[in-house]
Amino acid sequence: MTQQAQPLAEQLRPQSLDEYIGQEHLVGEGAILRRALDSGRIPSMIFWGPPGVGKTTLANIVAKRTDRQFYVLSAVSSGVKDVRDVIDKARMLPNPPILFIDEIHRFSKSQQDSLLAAVEKGLVTLIGATTENPSFEVIAPLLSRMQIYVLKPLEIHHLLLLLDYAMGALKQRYRRDIELKENGALIQISGGDARKLLNAIELVVDVLHEETAAKSEPLIITDQDAKRCIQNNLVKYDKQGEMHYDVISAFIKSLRGSDPNAAVYYLARMVEAGEDPLFIARRMLILASEDIGNANPNALLLANSCFDAVKKIGWPESRIILSQTAIYLASSAKSNAAYLAINKAQEIVKTKGDLSVPLPLRNAPTKLMKSLGYGESYKYAHDFPGNFAAQEFLPEGIANTRIFDPGDNPREQEMRKALRDKWKEKYGY
């Protein structure tokens, strides 16, 4: 197979904001980050967004645009010593360098503490990249000194533009006519990840070129070709770790699908790959509420205990706790009723606006408010038989709207019956 000195994703890496694709809300004309760059006042910042949307590229562009020394550390392989080495070098420079830390969410508290003084004194301008919510992963003192920029998933027109650039570069590389007849499979394989898309098209063209090198006709790429090439060369395709998010996705879907065997298999895949155990525990904690909920409230308690225990126990023993929790969650009854309920409630709020709270439910701390009827006619539930008094709690515009619909499992069916006994026909339980 043809060997290339420079991967396509690196070859096409933008060198300026004008070449940068996506994130118009940050770097478009008049956008917040572009204005900061134009002013020359660059704060320490965190780029938070999904993989392959341009976090590292944007950090490189910031360094070039400001003509600063650029240091790169990976939270996976760097420690406090590496941080201190950069800070020592920064003291010798006329201008504060930019220190870029990839996957900053994987830095421990002590590692983040080692950055704090340098950021506070302005010795370095810190740029962190993360796929995780920084409010959960970055210590508060450091976070308070950084600006958070949220990067959005790339849209279809961004990916198609990337494919156009890729095709131009590949035609020049192979000195051959190449026609991308269909692009649906490549777009789907990419999952909105630019690096994944470029790695995929590079691999497909590389394989097809080798297969048809003796022929003189143009190289034509179909969806079927793309799928075949990727499937047959999965290890090569994943050399940069693109399957990380595929495996966690398979793990979560196995838990949701009630297959403990598959769940533990994908857990083992992540354990062997050196995945952050807290990343796994956090995903299970979310699933316990989103996909199990009140079908088994103990699932959330166990998942939360798992997260705490993993933090306390450390590696490698915490893999046993992850396994126990994964098996429990996979084997549990499932319900997404709580997830659907909050989604429905948020949609009502967005479409109906801030509806007036019924007067009986309003707080009445002053005489004026009491005279206006605030709190009047409120029925204190504990004064009534069964600790229940029928009254209207929803605003007038959405009265009688059923937002929570119990799932089809024994526990939530009990909840449905109890609600029906209380509310009769009001909500249609």
Protein backbone atom coordinates (compact mmCIF):
# COMPACT_ATOMS: atom_id res chain seq x y z
CA MET A 1 0.00 0.00 0.00
CA THR A 2 1.27 3.48 -0.85
CA GLN A 3 3.12 5.08 2.07
CA GLN A 4 2.72 8.81 2.60
CA ALA A 5 5.12 10.96 4.58
CA GLN A 6 2.35 13.20 5.84
CA PRO A 7 -1.23 12.13 6.66
CA LEU A 8 -3.92 13.95 4.70
CA ALA A 9 -5.46 15.39 7.87
CA GLU A 10 -2.13 17.01 8.72
CA GLN A 11 -1.49 18.12 5.14
CA LEU A 12 -4.83 19.94 5.02
CA ARG A 13 -4.64 21.42 8.51
CA PRO A 14 -5.65 25.10 8.19
CA GLN A 15 -2.96 27.68 8.90
CA SER A 16 -5.21 30.71 9.31
CA LEU A 17 -8.75 31.64 10.33
CA ASP A 18 -9.62 32.26 6.67
CA GLU A 19 -8.80 28.60 5.90
CA TYR A 20 -10.54 27.29 9.03
CA ILE A 21 -13.79 25.37 8.44
CA GLY A 22 -16.69 25.59 10.90
CA GLN A 23 -17.17 27.36 14.24
CA GLU A 24 -18.42 30.53 12.57
CA HIS A 25 -19.96 31.60 15.89
CA LEU A 26 -16.41 31.88 17.28
CA VAL A 27 -14.18 32.83 14.35
CA GLY A 28 -16.51 34.32 11.75
CA GLU A 29 -16.39 38.02 10.97
CA GLY A 30 -17.16 39.93 14.16
CA ALA A 31 -17.34 36.74 16.27
CA ILE A 32 -16.02 36.75 19.82
CA LEU A 33 -12.77 34.82 19.38
CA ARG A 34 -11.84 36.60 16.16
CA ARG A 35 -12.35 39.94 17.90
CA ALA A 36 -10.07 38.82 20.73
CA LEU A 37 -7.40 37.78 18.23
CA ASP A 38 -7.74 41.05 16.31
CA SER A 39 -7.28 43.00 19.54
CA GLY A 40 -4.18 41.01 20.49
CA ARG A 41 -5.57 40.35 23.98
CA ILE A 42 -5.71 36.59 24.29
CA PRO A 43 -7.11 35.10 27.49
CA SER A 44 -6.36 31.63 28.72
CA MET A 45 -9.15 29.51 27.33
CA ILE A 46 -10.72 26.09 27.02
CA PHE A 47 -12.03 24.69 23.74
CA TRP A 48 -14.86 22.31 24.62
CA GLY A 49 -16.42 20.21 21.89
CA PRO A 50 -16.68 16.78 20.26
CA PRO A 51 -13.69 15.14 18.59
CA GLY A 52 -12.51 16.28 15.19
CA VAL A 53 -14.11 19.74 15.13
CA GLY A 54 -10.88 21.74 15.10
CA LYS A 55 -9.80 22.31 18.72
CA THR A 56 -6.09 21.60 18.16
CA THR A 57 -6.09 23.40 14.83
CA LEU A 58 -7.64 26.48 16.39
CA ALA A 59 -4.99 26.51 19.12
CA ASN A 60 -2.26 26.38 16.45
CA ILE A 61 -3.87 29.27 14.59
CA VAL A 62 -4.09 31.35 17.77
CA ALA A 63 -0.35 30.81 18.35
CA LYS A 64 0.53 31.76 14.76
CA ARG A 65 -1.79 34.76 14.78
CA THR A 66 -0.22 36.14 17.97
CA ASP A 67 3.36 35.15 17.05
CA ARG A 68 3.82 33.33 20.35
CA GLN A 69 6.02 30.39 21.25
CA PHE A 70 3.78 27.29 21.20
CA TYR A 71 4.18 24.36 23.59
CA VAL A 72 2.02 21.24 23.37
CA LEU A 73 1.39 18.72 26.15
CA SER A 74 -0.95 15.74 26.20
CA ALA A 75 -2.75 15.06 29.46
CA VAL A 76 -2.45 11.35 28.68
CA SER A 77 1.35 11.27 28.66
CA SER A 78 2.48 14.44 30.48
CA GLY A 79 2.88 15.09 34.19
CA VAL A 80 3.66 17.87 36.66
CA LYS A 81 7.37 17.79 35.67
CA ASP A 82 6.49 18.52 32.03
CA VAL A 83 4.30 21.43 33.09
CA ARG A 84 7.07 22.87 35.26
CA ASP A 85 9.59 22.52 32.43
CA VAL A 86 7.38 24.64 30.18
CA ILE A 87 6.85 27.23 32.92
CA ASP A 88 10.63 27.46 33.48
CA LYS A 89 11.14 28.09 29.76
CA ALA A 90 8.34 30.67 29.79
CA ARG A 91 10.20 32.74 32.39
CA MET A 92 13.02 33.23 29.87
CA LEU A 93 10.82 34.46 27.02
CA PRO A 94 9.95 38.10 26.27
CA ASN A 95 6.27 37.27 25.67
CA PRO A 96 4.12 34.67 27.46
CA PRO A 97 4.05 31.51 25.34
CA ILE A 98 0.93 29.53 24.60
CA LEU A 99 0.73 26.20 26.39
CA PHE A 100 -1.75 23.87 24.70
CA ILE A 101 -2.93 20.87 26.73
CA ASP A 102 -4.90 18.28 24.82
CA GLU A 103 -7.49 16.31 26.80
CA ILE A 104 -7.07 18.63 29.78
CA HIS A 105 -9.97 16.83 31.48
CA ARG A 106 -7.56 13.94 32.11
CA PHE A 107 -5.17 16.09 34.12
CA SER A 108 -5.32 15.28 37.83
CA LYS A 109 -6.03 17.93 40.47
CA SER A 110 -2.32 18.17 41.35
CA GLN A 111 -1.41 18.60 37.69
CA GLN A 112 -3.99 21.35 37.30
CA ASP A 113 -2.76 22.98 40.52
CA SER A 114 0.71 23.17 39.00
CA LEU A 115 -0.70 25.38 36.22
CA LEU A 116 -2.60 27.77 38.45
CA ALA A 117 0.14 30.19 39.52
CA ALA A 118 1.59 30.47 36.00
CA VAL A 119 -1.82 31.26 34.53
CA GLU A 120 -2.65 33.70 37.32
CA LYS A 121 0.67 35.59 36.90
CA GLY A 122 0.42 35.57 33.11
CA LEU A 123 3.59 33.53 32.61
CA VAL A 124 1.75 31.38 30.08
CA THR A 125 -1.47 31.64 28.12
CA LEU A 126 -3.13 28.28 28.66
CA ILE A 127 -5.33 26.70 26.00
CA GLY A 128 -6.98 23.44 26.97
CA ALA A 129 -8.95 21.13 24.72
CA THR A 130 -11.60 18.80 26.09
CA THR A 131 -14.50 16.66 25.00
CA GLU A 132 -15.84 16.66 28.57
CA ASN A 133 -17.78 19.35 30.40
CA PRO A 134 -14.99 21.49 31.90
CA SER A 135 -17.14 22.50 34.88
CA PHE A 136 -16.91 18.87 36.02
CA GLU A 137 -13.29 18.23 35.07
CA VAL A 138 -11.32 21.44 35.62
CA ILE A 139 -10.68 22.74 39.14
CA ALA A 140 -12.67 25.87 40.00
CA PRO A 141 -9.69 28.21 40.63
CA LEU A 142 -8.24 27.41 37.20
CA LEU A 143 -11.60 27.48 35.47
CA SER A 144 -12.36 30.93 36.86
CA ARG A 145 -9.26 32.29 35.13
CA MET A 146 -10.14 30.86 31.72
CA GLN A 147 -12.62 31.69 29.00
CA ILE A 148 -14.66 28.71 27.80
CA TYR A 149 -15.42 28.48 24.08
CA VAL A 150 -17.89 25.79 22.99
CA LEU A 151 -17.11 24.25 19.61
CA LYS A 152 -20.07 22.82 17.72
CA PRO A 153 -20.25 19.61 15.64
CA LEU A 154 -19.42 20.18 11.99
CA GLU A 155 -22.42 20.40 9.68
CA ILE A 156 -22.90 18.59 6.38
CA HIS A 157 -21.78 21.56 4.27
CA HIS A 158 -18.55 21.75 6.30
CA LEU A 159 -17.85 18.06 5.69
CA LEU A 160 -18.59 18.36 1.97
CA LEU A 161 -16.17 21.27 1.72
CA LEU A 162 -13.52 19.17 3.45
CA LEU A 163 -14.12 16.37 0.96
CA ASP A 164 -13.63 18.82 -1.92
CA TYR A 165 -10.27 19.90 -0.48
CA ALA A 166 -9.34 16.27 0.14
CA MET A 167 -10.15 15.22 -3.42
CA GLY A 168 -8.00 18.02 -4.81
CA ALA A 169 -5.05 17.00 -2.63
CA LEU A 170 -5.45 13.28 -3.44
CA LYS A 171 -5.67 13.89 -7.19
CA GLN A 172 -2.40 15.76 -6.96
CA ARG A 173 -0.82 13.12 -4.74
CA TYR A 174 -1.66 10.21 -7.05
CA ARG A 175 -1.54 12.22 -10.29
CA ARG A 176 -4.79 10.56 -11.31
CA ASP A 177 -8.40 11.50 -12.01
CA ILE A 178 -10.50 10.60 -8.98
CA GLU A 179 -14.27 10.93 -8.90
CA LEU A 180 -16.25 10.78 -5.66
CA LYS A 181 -19.48 9.44 -7.13
CA GLU A 182 -21.17 8.96 -3.73
CA ASN A 183 -20.28 10.49 -0.38
CA GLY A 184 -23.01 9.22 1.96
CA ALA A 185 -20.94 6.39 3.45
CA LEU A 186 -17.95 8.64 4.13
CA ILE A 187 -20.14 11.26 5.80
CA GLN A 188 -21.78 8.58 7.93
CA ILE A 189 -18.45 6.98 8.88
CA SER A 190 -17.05 10.36 9.91
CA GLY A 191 -19.79 11.04 12.45
CA GLY A 192 -19.09 14.75 12.02
CA ASP A 193 -15.39 14.29 12.86
CA ALA A 194 -13.18 16.09 10.33
CA ARG A 195 -10.08 14.06 11.12
CA LYS A 196 -12.05 10.84 10.84
CA LEU A 197 -13.46 11.95 7.49
CA LEU A 198 -10.04 12.80 6.06
CA ASN A 199 -8.49 9.57 7.36
CA ALA A 200 -11.36 7.63 5.79
CA ILE A 201 -11.16 9.20 2.31
CA GLU A 202 -7.36 8.89 2.39
CA LEU A 203 -7.57 5.18 3.19
CA VAL A 204 -10.26 4.52 0.59
CA VAL A 205 -8.33 6.24 -2.20
CA ASP A 206 -5.08 4.57 -1.12
CA VAL A 207 -6.68 1.10 -1.26
CA LEU A 208 -8.55 1.66 -4.53
CA HIS A 209 -5.51 3.20 -6.20
CA GLU A 210 -3.42 0.16 -5.33
CA GLU A 211 -6.15 -2.19 -6.57
CA THR A 212 -6.48 -0.36 -9.90
CA ALA A 213 -2.92 0.92 -10.40
CA ALA A 214 -2.54 -1.00 -13.65
CA LYS A 215 -5.63 0.61 -15.15
CA SER A 216 -5.66 3.98 -16.85
CA GLU A 217 -9.30 4.95 -16.31
CA PRO A 218 -10.38 7.40 -13.58
CA LEU A 219 -10.72 6.07 -10.03
CA ILE A 220 -14.41 6.18 -9.11
CA ILE A 221 -15.49 5.94 -5.47
CA THR A 222 -18.94 4.66 -4.47
CA ASP A 223 -20.49 4.15 -1.05
CA GLN A 224 -19.97 0.41 -1.45
CA ASP A 225 -16.26 0.94 -2.14
CA ALA A 226 -15.90 3.15 0.92
CA LYS A 227 -17.58 0.65 3.25
CA ARG A 228 -15.53 -2.27 1.88
CA CYS A 229 -12.20 -0.48 2.18
CA ILE A 230 -12.85 0.72 5.72
CA GLN A 231 -14.12 -2.66 6.92
CA ASN A 232 -11.20 -4.57 5.41
CA ASN A 233 -8.60 -2.15 6.79
CA LEU A 234 -10.11 -1.33 10.15
CA VAL A 235 -6.83 -1.55 12.09
CA LYS A 236 -5.03 0.81 9.72
CA TYR A 237 -8.00 3.16 9.71
CA ASP A 238 -8.04 3.27 13.50
CA LYS A 239 -4.32 3.92 13.93
CA GLN A 240 -5.08 7.35 15.41
CA GLY A 241 -7.69 6.01 17.82
CA GLU A 242 -10.88 6.91 15.95
CA MET A 243 -12.66 3.88 17.42
CA HIS A 244 -12.54 5.39 20.93
CA TYR A 245 -15.99 6.90 20.54
CA ASP A 246 -17.31 3.88 18.65
CA VAL A 247 -16.43 1.59 21.56
CA ILE A 248 -17.96 3.81 24.24
CA SER A 249 -21.06 4.09 22.02
CA ALA A 250 -21.24 0.29 21.73
CA PHE A 251 -20.79 -0.01 25.50
CA ILE A 252 -23.66 2.36 26.27
CA LYS A 253 -25.93 0.75 23.69
CA SER A 254 -25.19 -2.68 25.15
CA LEU A 255 -26.16 -1.43 28.63
CA ARG A 256 -29.32 0.14 27.23
CA GLY A 257 -30.04 -3.06 25.30
CA SER A 258 -29.82 -5.21 28.47
CA ASP A 259 -26.85 -7.32 27.30
CA PRO A 260 -24.36 -7.65 30.18
CA ASN A 261 -22.13 -9.91 28.07
CA ALA A 262 -21.57 -7.30 25.37
CA ALA A 263 -21.33 -4.54 27.99
CA VAL A 264 -18.48 -6.25 29.85
CA TYR A 265 -16.74 -7.06 26.55
CA TYR A 266 -16.70 -3.39 25.51
CA LEU A 267 -15.72 -2.44 29.05
CA ALA A 268 -12.72 -4.76 28.70
CA ARG A 269 -11.86 -3.14 25.36
CA MET A 270 -11.73 0.24 27.06
CA VAL A 271 -9.81 -1.08 30.08
CA GLU A 272 -7.16 -2.65 27.83
CA ALA A 273 -6.90 0.55 25.79
CA GLY A 274 -6.15 2.57 28.93
CA GLU A 275 -9.40 4.52 28.96
CA ASP A 276 -9.95 6.91 31.86
CA PRO A 277 -12.05 4.90 34.38
CA LEU A 278 -13.86 8.06 35.51
CA PHE A 279 -14.93 8.64 31.91
CA ILE A 280 -16.55 5.19 31.90
CA ALA A 281 -18.12 5.67 35.35
CA ARG A 282 -19.54 9.05 34.33
CA ARG A 283 -21.17 7.56 31.25
CA MET A 284 -22.81 4.85 33.37
CA LEU A 285 -24.04 7.48 35.82
CA ILE A 286 -25.78 9.32 33.00
CA LEU A 287 -27.27 6.09 31.62
CA ALA A 288 -28.61 5.09 35.05
CA SER A 289 -30.91 8.11 34.96
CA GLU A 290 -31.52 8.47 31.23
CA ASP A 291 -32.24 4.82 30.38
CA ILE A 292 -33.25 3.21 33.70
CA GLY A 293 -34.62 6.01 35.83
CA ASN A 294 -37.56 5.14 38.04
CA ALA A 295 -37.85 1.64 36.63
CA ASN A 296 -35.09 0.95 39.18
CA PRO A 297 -34.02 4.01 41.23
CA ASN A 298 -31.27 1.95 42.87
CA ALA A 299 -29.41 2.02 39.55
CA LEU A 300 -28.62 5.71 39.97
CA LEU A 301 -27.47 5.12 43.56
CA LEU A 302 -25.17 2.28 42.51
CA ALA A 303 -23.79 4.22 39.54
CA ASN A 304 -23.06 7.20 41.79
CA SER A 305 -21.37 4.93 44.33
CA CYS A 306 -19.35 3.44 41.49
CA PHE A 307 -18.13 6.88 40.42
CA ASP A 308 -17.10 7.74 43.99
CA ALA A 309 -15.44 4.36 44.52
CA VAL A 310 -13.44 4.59 41.30
CA LYS A 311 -12.08 7.97 42.46
CA LYS A 312 -11.11 6.47 45.82
CA ILE A 313 -9.76 3.08 44.74
CA GLY A 314 -7.81 3.91 41.61
CA TRP A 315 -6.45 1.59 38.96
CA PRO A 316 -6.42 -1.36 38.33
CA GLU A 317 -8.80 -2.53 41.10
CA SER A 318 -11.53 -0.09 40.04
CA ARG A 319 -12.09 -2.17 36.90
CA ILE A 320 -13.91 -4.67 39.14
CA ILE A 321 -16.26 -1.96 40.40
CA LEU A 322 -16.91 -0.83 36.83
CA SER A 323 -17.68 -4.42 35.84
CA GLN A 324 -20.11 -4.94 38.74
CA THR A 325 -21.94 -1.72 37.93
CA ALA A 326 -22.07 -2.41 34.19
CA ILE A 327 -23.58 -5.86 34.79
CA TYR A 328 -26.17 -4.41 37.18
CA LEU A 329 -27.18 -1.63 34.79
CA ALA A 330 -27.38 -3.96 31.81
CA SER A 331 -29.53 -6.44 33.74
CA SER A 332 -31.86 -3.78 35.16
CA ALA A 333 -35.36 -2.87 33.98
CA LYS A 334 -35.27 0.08 31.58
CA SER A 335 -37.21 3.33 31.28
CA ASN A 336 -36.47 6.63 29.58
CA ALA A 337 -39.63 8.27 31.00
CA ALA A 338 -37.69 10.82 33.08
CA TYR A 339 -35.55 11.74 30.05
CA LEU A 340 -38.64 12.18 27.85
CA ALA A 341 -40.42 14.15 30.56
CA ILE A 342 -37.72 16.81 30.94
CA ASN A 343 -37.39 17.07 27.15
CA LYS A 344 -41.14 17.62 26.82
CA ALA A 345 -41.18 20.13 29.68
CA GLN A 346 -38.30 22.10 28.14
CA GLU A 347 -40.07 22.16 24.78
CA ILE A 348 -43.22 23.52 26.44
CA VAL A 349 -41.15 26.24 28.14
CA LYS A 350 -39.50 27.18 24.82
CA THR A 351 -42.77 27.33 22.89
CA LYS A 352 -45.09 28.76 25.59
CA GLY A 353 -42.65 31.06 27.35
CA ASP A 354 -42.79 31.95 31.04
CA LEU A 355 -46.43 31.27 31.89
CA SER A 356 -47.87 32.85 35.01
CA VAL A 357 -47.61 30.73 38.14
CA PRO A 358 -51.13 30.13 39.59
CA LEU A 359 -51.88 32.55 42.45
CA PRO A 360 -52.40 29.81 45.10
CA LEU A 361 -48.81 28.58 44.47
CA ARG A 362 -47.10 31.94 44.71
CA ASN A 363 -45.02 32.98 47.68
CA ALA A 364 -46.58 35.79 49.76
CA PRO A 365 -43.92 37.30 52.05
CA THR A 366 -45.54 40.78 52.17
CA LYS A 367 -49.01 42.12 53.01
CA LEU A 368 -49.31 43.59 49.52
CA MET A 369 -48.74 40.21 47.93
CA LYS A 370 -51.29 38.63 50.26
CA SER A 371 -53.80 41.34 49.36
CA LEU A 372 -53.26 40.51 45.68
CA GLY A 373 -54.23 36.90 46.31
CA TYR A 374 -50.76 35.35 46.43
CA GLY A 375 -50.96 32.01 48.22
CA GLU A 376 -54.72 32.25 48.69
CA SER A 377 -56.68 28.99 48.39
CA TYR A 378 -53.52 26.88 48.50
CA LYS A 379 -54.31 23.42 49.86
CA TYR A 380 -51.59 22.09 52.17
CA ALA A 381 -51.43 18.41 51.18
CA HIS A 382 -50.69 17.13 54.68
CA ASP A 383 -53.97 18.55 55.95
CA PHE A 384 -55.93 16.13 53.76
CA PRO A 385 -56.52 12.36 53.84
CA GLY A 386 -53.75 10.43 52.15
CA ASN A 387 -51.63 13.63 52.10
CA PHE A 388 -53.22 14.65 48.83
CA ALA A 389 -55.51 17.49 47.81
CA ALA A 390 -56.62 17.91 44.21
CA GLN A 391 -55.73 21.36 42.91
CA GLU A 392 -54.26 22.95 39.79
CA PHE A 393 -50.48 23.22 39.84
CA LEU A 394 -49.77 23.97 36.18
CA PRO A 395 -50.20 27.44 34.64
CA GLU A 396 -53.51 28.13 32.98
CA GLY A 397 -52.16 27.83 29.46
CA ILE A 398 -51.05 24.22 29.92
CA ALA A 399 -53.51 22.94 32.54
CA ASN A 400 -54.16 19.17 32.35
CA THR A 401 -51.02 18.57 30.23
CA ARG A 402 -49.42 15.21 30.92
CA ILE A 403 -45.65 15.64 30.80
CA PHE A 404 -44.51 12.52 32.66
CA ASP A 405 -45.66 9.25 31.11
CA PRO A 406 -44.60 6.23 33.23
CA GLY A 407 -42.74 3.48 31.41
CA ASP A 408 -43.88 -0.08 30.82
CA ASN A 409 -42.21 -1.75 33.80
CA PRO A 410 -43.55 -2.98 37.16
CA ARG A 411 -42.28 -0.10 39.28
CA GLU A 412 -43.51 2.66 36.98
CA GLN A 413 -46.79 0.87 36.42
CA GLU A 414 -47.27 1.13 40.19
CA MET A 415 -46.55 4.85 39.87
CA ARG A 416 -49.11 5.11 37.05
CA LYS A 417 -51.78 3.44 39.18
CA ALA A 418 -51.03 5.70 42.17
CA LEU A 419 -51.23 8.81 39.98
CA ARG A 420 -54.47 7.61 38.38
CA ASP A 421 -56.00 6.99 41.80
CA LYS A 422 -55.12 10.54 42.85
CA TRP A 423 -55.84 12.51 39.70
CA LYS A 424 -58.66 10.36 38.21
CA GLU A 425 -59.13 11.48 34.59
CA LYS A 426 -57.25 14.78 34.85
CA TYR A 427 -53.99 13.64 33.25
CA GLY A 428 -55.21 10.51 31.52
CA TYR A 429 -53.13 8.07 33.56
